[in-house]
Protein backbone atom coordinates (compact mmCIF):
# COMPACT_ATOMS: atom_id res chain seq x y z
CA MET A 1 33.34 11.36 15.25
CA TYR A 2 32.21 9.36 12.21
CA SER A 3 29.89 11.31 9.96
CA ARG A 4 28.68 10.49 6.86
CA SER A 5 27.00 12.14 4.42
CA VAL A 6 23.99 11.75 2.10
CA ASP A 7 24.06 10.83 -1.74
CA HIS A 8 21.06 12.29 -3.55
CA THR A 9 19.55 11.07 -6.86
CA PRO A 10 19.52 14.27 -9.19
CA ALA A 11 15.38 13.77 -8.93
CA GLU A 12 15.66 14.49 -4.63
CA VAL A 13 17.90 17.57 -6.13
CA LYS A 14 15.20 18.68 -7.98
CA ALA A 15 12.84 18.17 -5.43
CA MET A 16 14.67 20.01 -2.41
CA ALA A 17 15.25 22.81 -4.60
CA SER A 18 11.40 23.58 -5.15
CA CYS A 19 11.24 23.03 -1.26
CA PRO A 20 10.65 26.62 0.42
CA VAL A 21 13.60 26.21 2.55
CA PRO A 22 15.25 30.03 3.36
CA ASP A 23 18.59 28.74 3.19
CA LYS A 24 18.51 26.16 0.82
CA ASN A 25 21.24 27.42 -1.54
CA ASP A 26 23.60 27.10 1.07
CA TYR A 27 22.66 23.57 1.28
CA LEU A 28 22.62 22.85 -2.13
CA TYR A 29 26.32 24.60 -2.09
CA ARG A 30 27.58 22.33 1.14
CA ARG A 31 26.07 19.17 -0.91
CA ALA A 32 28.22 20.22 -3.96
CA GLU A 33 31.43 21.29 -1.76
CA GLN A 34 31.21 17.53 -0.41
CA GLU A 35 30.67 15.87 -3.57
CA LEU A 36 33.52 17.72 -5.15
CA GLU A 37 35.54 16.33 -2.21
CA GLN A 38 34.20 12.75 -2.55
CA ALA A 39 34.94 12.88 -6.43
CA GLN A 40 38.59 13.91 -5.03
CA ARG A 41 39.12 10.71 -2.60
CA ALA A 42 37.26 8.68 -4.92
CA ALA A 43 39.62 5.82 -6.29
CA HIS A 44 37.21 4.17 -9.42
CA PRO A 45 36.77 6.56 -12.32
CA ALA A 46 33.22 5.70 -12.29
CA ALA A 47 32.69 6.72 -8.70
CA VAL A 48 34.82 10.23 -9.36
CA LYS A 49 32.01 10.98 -12.38
CA ALA A 50 29.45 9.98 -9.98
CA HIS A 51 30.39 12.26 -7.88
CA TYR A 52 30.83 15.16 -10.45
CA VAL A 53 27.63 14.65 -11.76
CA LEU A 54 25.96 15.07 -8.61
CA ALA A 55 28.23 18.12 -7.82
CA GLY A 56 27.11 19.73 -11.38
CA TYR A 57 23.11 18.90 -10.33
CA TYR A 58 23.68 20.87 -6.77
CA LEU A 59 25.35 23.63 -8.30
CA ASP A 60 22.88 23.70 -11.35
CA GLN A 61 19.83 24.17 -8.53
CA VAL A 62 22.05 26.99 -6.72
CA TYR A 63 23.29 29.31 -9.47
CA GLY A 64 19.97 28.25 -12.60
CA GLY A 65 21.92 25.99 -14.89
CA GLY A 66 18.73 25.20 -16.92
CA GLU A 67 17.02 22.18 -17.52
CA GLN A 68 19.63 18.47 -17.72
CA PRO A 69 18.19 15.55 -20.05
CA ALA A 70 15.01 13.87 -18.20
CA ASP A 71 16.80 10.44 -19.60
CA GLY A 72 20.67 11.41 -17.88
CA LYS A 73 22.16 11.10 -20.94
CA GLY A 74 24.84 13.16 -22.34
CA PHE A 75 26.97 13.78 -19.65
CA ASP A 76 30.08 11.62 -21.00
């Protein structure tokens, strides 16, 4: 069976983190793991970077990593 994970934008991740779901941290942690797996499989350097950045957003929501730059810059 084919299953495709859904990639969320940083804004969507932040919105999900504020929703009152009891297991939101479990969900966010799973999404971070999925992004890390996708980074391992990605062939293009830009795709690898994008997956790692998204994983970082998810983990920041789980562990309270603080505010991210609003313009998305500074992740080089």
